[in-house]
Amino acid sequence: MRADANEIYRRYLSAVMLHGHAGARACALGATDLYALNILQLSGAMSPGELAERTGLTTGPTTRLIDRLEQAGYVRRAPDPGDRRKVVVEPVGEPAELDRVLAPARQRVGEILAGYTPEQLDVLFDYFTRAALAYHEAADDLRGTGSER
């Protein structure tokens, strides 16, 4: 392992977080709002309680987060198909403004990835998949909820 591996990785994570914050701000969202929207886009509709659990927020801040995303036109509350007394939060279409704001970084990263061989890309995406699971499990451990993914 390289002697500077930890520092390089921390710089990478910091850059990703910085970009996420800047992208959210450019769309008049908070970083947690963007994170929650990403969860909904990747996982689909879920109850406000599940969204609270996935974001690590309590119910009050989650309600306000959903209100902001709904007001901005990114999500809507809909009746839960399994129990019409409850609601789910679901993403609404493709967020064009977010896509526009995040497109330059995606293009730059795409250009970097284009320089790798298919075998190298397999390793990179295997890492991304496994590291995401490791981070989810570590977050669950920190919250004391155990791993559910």
C-alpha atoms as a PDB file:
ATOM      1  CA  MET A   1       0.000   0.000   0.000  1.00  0.00           C
ATOM      2  CA  ARG A   2       1.224   3.484  -0.794  1.00  0.00           C
ATOM      3  CA  ALA A   3       2.354   5.571   2.160  1.00  0.00           C
ATOM      4  CA  ASP A   4       0.037   8.404   1.070  1.00  0.00           C
ATOM      5  CA  ALA A   5      -2.979   6.189   0.279  1.00  0.00           C
ATOM      6  CA  ASN A   6      -5.013   7.400   3.260  1.00  0.00           C
ATOM      7  CA  GLU A   7      -4.392  11.045   2.402  1.00  0.00           C
ATOM      8  CA  ILE A   8      -5.241  10.548  -1.279  1.00  0.00           C
ATOM      9  CA  TYR A   9      -8.460   8.747  -0.406  1.00  0.00           C
ATOM     10  CA  ARG A  10      -9.473  11.409   2.127  1.00  0.00           C
ATOM     11  CA  ARG A  11      -8.836  14.122  -0.489  1.00  0.00           C
ATOM     12  CA  TYR A  12     -11.036  12.208  -2.938  1.00  0.00           C
ATOM     13  CA  LEU A  13     -13.878  11.859  -0.412  1.00  0.00           C
ATOM     14  CA  SER A  14     -13.581  15.537   0.515  1.00  0.00           C
ATOM     15  CA  ALA A  15     -13.772  16.552  -3.151  1.00  0.00           C
ATOM     16  CA  VAL A  16     -16.885  14.423  -3.685  1.00  0.00           C
ATOM     17  CA  MET A  17     -18.535  15.953  -0.614  1.00  0.00           C
ATOM     18  CA  LEU A  18     -17.528  19.480  -1.654  1.00  0.00           C
ATOM     19  CA  HIS A  19     -19.043  18.923  -5.097  1.00  0.00           C
ATOM     20  CA  GLY A  20     -22.241  17.549  -3.570  1.00  0.00           C
ATOM     21  CA  HIS A  21     -22.586  20.610  -1.346  1.00  0.00           C
ATOM     22  CA  ALA A  22     -21.847  22.992  -4.241  1.00  0.00           C
ATOM     23  CA  GLY A  23     -24.301  21.160  -6.517  1.00  0.00           C
ATOM     24  CA  ALA A  24     -27.026  21.282  -3.898  1.00  0.00           C
ATOM     25  CA  ARG A  25     -26.427  24.990  -3.269  1.00  0.00           C
ATOM     26  CA  ALA A  26     -26.539  25.695  -7.030  1.00  0.00           C
ATOM     27  CA  CYS A  27     -30.039  24.171  -7.082  1.00  0.00           C
ATOM     28  CA  ALA A  28     -31.152  26.009  -3.941  1.00  0.00           C
ATOM     29  CA  LEU A  29     -31.096  22.782  -1.925  1.00  0.00           C
ATOM     30  CA  GLY A  30     -29.294  21.776   1.210  1.00  0.00           C
ATOM     31  CA  ALA A  31     -26.743  18.981   1.078  1.00  0.00           C
ATOM     32  CA  THR A  32     -29.060  16.708   3.069  1.00  0.00           C
ATOM     33  CA  ASP A  33     -31.887  17.524   0.640  1.00  0.00           C
ATOM     34  CA  LEU A  34     -29.726  16.389  -2.279  1.00  0.00           C
ATOM     35  CA  TYR A  35     -28.672  13.275  -0.370  1.00  0.00           C
ATOM     36  CA  ALA A  36     -32.310  12.391   0.384  1.00  0.00           C
ATOM     37  CA  LEU A  37     -33.303  12.964  -3.235  1.00  0.00           C
ATOM     38  CA  ASN A  38     -30.497  10.669  -4.344  1.00  0.00           C
ATOM     39  CA  ILE A  39     -31.746   7.971  -1.949  1.00  0.00           C
ATOM     40  CA  LEU A  40     -35.262   8.281  -3.378  1.00  0.00           C
ATOM     41  CA  GLN A  41     -34.050   8.183  -6.970  1.00  0.00           C
ATOM     42  CA  LEU A  42     -31.931   5.081  -6.311  1.00  0.00           C
ATOM     43  CA  SER A  43     -34.397   3.216  -4.085  1.00  0.00           C
ATOM     44  CA  GLY A  44     -37.786   4.467  -5.230  1.00  0.00           C
ATOM     45  CA  ALA A  45     -40.776   5.526  -3.162  1.00  0.00           C
ATOM     46  CA  MET A  46     -40.615   5.015   0.580  1.00  0.00           C
ATOM     47  CA  SER A  47     -42.387   6.099   3.699  1.00  0.00           C
ATOM     48  CA  PRO A  48     -41.281   9.286   5.425  1.00  0.00           C
ATOM     49  CA  GLY A  49     -40.140   7.090   8.335  1.00  0.00           C
ATOM     50  CA  GLU A  50     -37.928   4.994   6.082  1.00  0.00           C
ATOM     51  CA  LEU A  51     -36.484   8.139   4.523  1.00  0.00           C
ATOM     52  CA  ALA A  52     -35.774   9.469   8.032  1.00  0.00           C
ATOM     53  CA  GLU A  53     -33.990   6.241   8.894  1.00  0.00           C
ATOM     54  CA  ARG A  54     -31.980   6.224   5.659  1.00  0.00           C
ATOM     55  CA  THR A  55     -30.894   9.867   6.077  1.00  0.00           C
ATOM     56  CA  GLY A  56     -30.267   9.630   9.814  1.00  0.00           C
ATOM     57  CA  LEU A  57     -32.738  12.442  10.529  1.00  0.00           C
ATOM     58  CA  THR A  58     -35.498  12.528  13.090  1.00  0.00           C
ATOM     59  CA  THR A  59     -39.127  12.862  12.011  1.00  0.00           C
ATOM     60  CA  GLY A  60     -39.416  16.670  12.351  1.00  0.00           C
ATOM     61  CA  PRO A  61     -36.439  17.529  10.131  1.00  0.00           C
ATOM     62  CA  THR A  62     -37.518  14.794   7.695  1.00  0.00           C
ATOM     63  CA  THR A  63     -40.960  16.364   7.334  1.00  0.00           C
ATOM     64  CA  ARG A  64     -39.374  19.755   6.608  1.00  0.00           C
ATOM     65  CA  LEU A  65     -36.953  18.124   4.136  1.00  0.00           C
ATOM     66  CA  ILE A  66     -39.854  16.477   2.283  1.00  0.00           C
ATOM     67  CA  ASP A  67     -41.719  19.804   2.296  1.00  0.00           C
ATOM     68  CA  ARG A  68     -38.705  21.547   0.680  1.00  0.00           C
ATOM     69  CA  LEU A  69     -38.250  18.829  -1.955  1.00  0.00           C
ATOM     70  CA  GLU A  70     -41.978  18.813  -2.690  1.00  0.00           C
ATOM     71  CA  GLN A  71     -42.099  22.608  -2.978  1.00  0.00           C
ATOM     72  CA  ALA A  72     -39.116  22.504  -5.369  1.00  0.00           C
ATOM     73  CA  GLY A  73     -40.964  19.926  -7.501  1.00  0.00           C
ATOM     74  CA  TYR A  74     -38.534  17.031  -6.931  1.00  0.00           C
ATOM     75  CA  VAL A  75     -40.840  14.714  -4.943  1.00  0.00           C
ATOM     76  CA  ARG A  76     -44.492  14.221  -4.108  1.00  0.00           C
ATOM     77  CA  ARG A  77     -46.409  12.565  -1.334  1.00  0.00           C
ATOM     78  CA  ALA A  78     -48.692   9.815  -2.612  1.00  0.00           C
ATOM     79  CA  PRO A  79     -51.003   7.299  -0.947  1.00  0.00           C
ATOM     80  CA  ASP A  80     -49.192   4.127   0.099  1.00  0.00           C
ATOM     81  CA  PRO A  81     -50.414   1.401  -2.271  1.00  0.00           C
ATOM     82  CA  GLY A  82     -50.416  -1.114   0.604  1.00  0.00           C
ATOM     83  CA  ASP A  83     -52.254   1.092   3.095  1.00  0.00           C
ATOM     84  CA  ARG A  84     -54.103   4.126   1.783  1.00  0.00           C
ATOM     85  CA  ARG A  85     -54.128   5.686   5.253  1.00  0.00           C
ATOM     86  CA  LYS A  86     -50.353   6.195   4.915  1.00  0.00           C
ATOM     87  CA  VAL A  87     -48.242   8.099   2.423  1.00  0.00           C
ATOM     88  CA  VAL A  88     -45.030   7.430   0.568  1.00  0.00           C
ATOM     89  CA  VAL A  89     -42.577   9.944  -0.800  1.00  0.00           C
ATOM     90  CA  GLU A  90     -41.676   9.390  -4.439  1.00  0.00           C
ATOM     91  CA  PRO A  91     -39.346  11.195  -6.818  1.00  0.00           C
ATOM     92  CA  VAL A  92     -41.019  13.156  -9.605  1.00  0.00           C
ATOM     93  CA  GLY A  93     -39.467  12.604 -13.017  1.00  0.00           C
ATOM     94  CA  GLU A  94     -35.898  13.511 -13.781  1.00  0.00           C
ATOM     95  CA  PRO A  95     -34.616  16.625 -12.003  1.00  0.00           C
ATOM     96  CA  ALA A  96     -33.454  18.592 -15.059  1.00  0.00           C
ATOM     97  CA  GLU A  97     -31.877  21.404 -13.056  1.00  0.00           C
ATOM     98  CA  LEU A  98     -29.859  18.940 -10.980  1.00  0.00           C
ATOM     99  CA  ASP A  99     -28.781  17.065 -14.084  1.00  0.00           C
ATOM    100  CA  ARG A 100     -27.665  20.332 -15.677  1.00  0.00           C
ATOM    101  CA  VAL A 101     -25.711  21.385 -12.587  1.00  0.00           C
ATOM    102  CA  LEU A 102     -24.046  17.995 -12.065  1.00  0.00           C
ATOM    103  CA  ALA A 103     -23.355  17.278 -15.763  1.00  0.00           C
ATOM    104  CA  PRO A 104     -19.890  18.917 -15.934  1.00  0.00           C
ATOM    105  CA  ALA A 105     -18.512  16.736 -13.127  1.00  0.00           C
ATOM    106  CA  ARG A 106     -20.120  13.636 -14.610  1.00  0.00           C
ATOM    107  CA  GLN A 107     -18.538  14.468 -17.957  1.00  0.00           C
ATOM    108  CA  ARG A 108     -15.101  14.971 -16.385  1.00  0.00           C
ATOM    109  CA  VAL A 109     -15.326  11.705 -14.472  1.00  0.00           C
ATOM    110  CA  GLY A 110     -16.557   9.964 -17.643  1.00  0.00           C
ATOM    111  CA  GLU A 111     -13.470  11.214 -19.471  1.00  0.00           C
ATOM    112  CA  ILE A 112     -11.266   9.801 -16.722  1.00  0.00           C
ATOM    113  CA  LEU A 113     -13.066   6.448 -16.826  1.00  0.00           C
ATOM    114  CA  ALA A 114     -12.693   6.318 -20.610  1.00  0.00           C
ATOM    115  CA  GLY A 115      -8.942   6.015 -20.060  1.00  0.00           C
ATOM    116  CA  TYR A 116      -9.278   2.683 -18.283  1.00  0.00           C
ATOM    117  CA  THR A 117      -9.443  -0.765 -19.834  1.00  0.00           C
ATOM    118  CA  PRO A 118     -12.600  -2.842 -19.424  1.00  0.00           C
ATOM    119  CA  GLU A 119     -10.768  -4.998 -16.872  1.00  0.00           C
ATOM    120  CA  GLN A 120      -9.695  -1.943 -14.876  1.00  0.00           C
ATOM    121  CA  LEU A 121     -13.254  -0.629 -14.971  1.00  0.00           C
ATOM    122  CA  ASP A 122     -14.489  -3.971 -13.618  1.00  0.00           C
ATOM    123  CA  VAL A 123     -12.119  -3.568 -10.661  1.00  0.00           C
ATOM    124  CA  LEU A 124     -13.141   0.054 -10.087  1.00  0.00           C
ATOM    125  CA  PHE A 125     -16.859  -0.706 -10.126  1.00  0.00           C
ATOM    126  CA  ASP A 126     -16.365  -3.782  -7.956  1.00  0.00           C
ATOM    127  CA  TYR A 127     -14.624  -1.475  -5.485  1.00  0.00           C
ATOM    128  CA  PHE A 128     -17.425   1.127  -5.658  1.00  0.00           C
ATOM    129  CA  THR A 129     -20.032  -1.575  -5.020  1.00  0.00           C
ATOM    130  CA  ARG A 130     -18.163  -3.161  -2.132  1.00  0.00           C
ATOM    131  CA  ALA A 131     -17.082   0.154  -0.582  1.00  0.00           C
ATOM    132  CA  ALA A 132     -20.660   1.484  -0.676  1.00  0.00           C
ATOM    133  CA  LEU A 133     -21.818  -1.580   1.253  1.00  0.00           C
ATOM    134  CA  ALA A 134     -18.954  -1.189   3.735  1.00  0.00           C
ATOM    135  CA  TYR A 135     -19.850   2.460   4.342  1.00  0.00           C
ATOM    136  CA  HIS A 136     -23.552   1.608   4.778  1.00  0.00           C
ATOM    137  CA  GLU A 137     -22.672  -1.100   7.284  1.00  0.00           C
ATOM    138  CA  ALA A 138     -20.280   1.204   9.152  1.00  0.00           C
ATOM    139  CA  ALA A 139     -22.960   3.920   9.303  1.00  0.00           C
ATOM    140  CA  ASP A 140     -25.457   1.376  10.639  1.00  0.00           C
ATOM    141  CA  ASP A 141     -22.911   0.333  13.260  1.00  0.00           C
ATOM    142  CA  LEU A 142     -22.389   3.966  14.310  1.00  0.00           C
ATOM    143  CA  ARG A 143     -26.158   4.449  14.637  1.00  0.00           C
ATOM    144  CA  GLY A 144     -26.463   1.154  16.506  1.00  0.00           C
ATOM    145  CA  THR A 145     -28.931  -0.272  14.008  1.00  0.00           C
ATOM    146  CA  GLY A 146     -26.882  -3.121  12.583  1.00  0.00           C
ATOM    147  CA  SER A 147     -26.646  -3.802   8.873  1.00  0.00           C
ATOM    148  CA  GLU A 148     -29.851  -4.066   6.857  1.00  0.00           C
ATOM    149  CA  ARG A 149     -28.450  -3.865   3.316  1.00  0.00           C
END
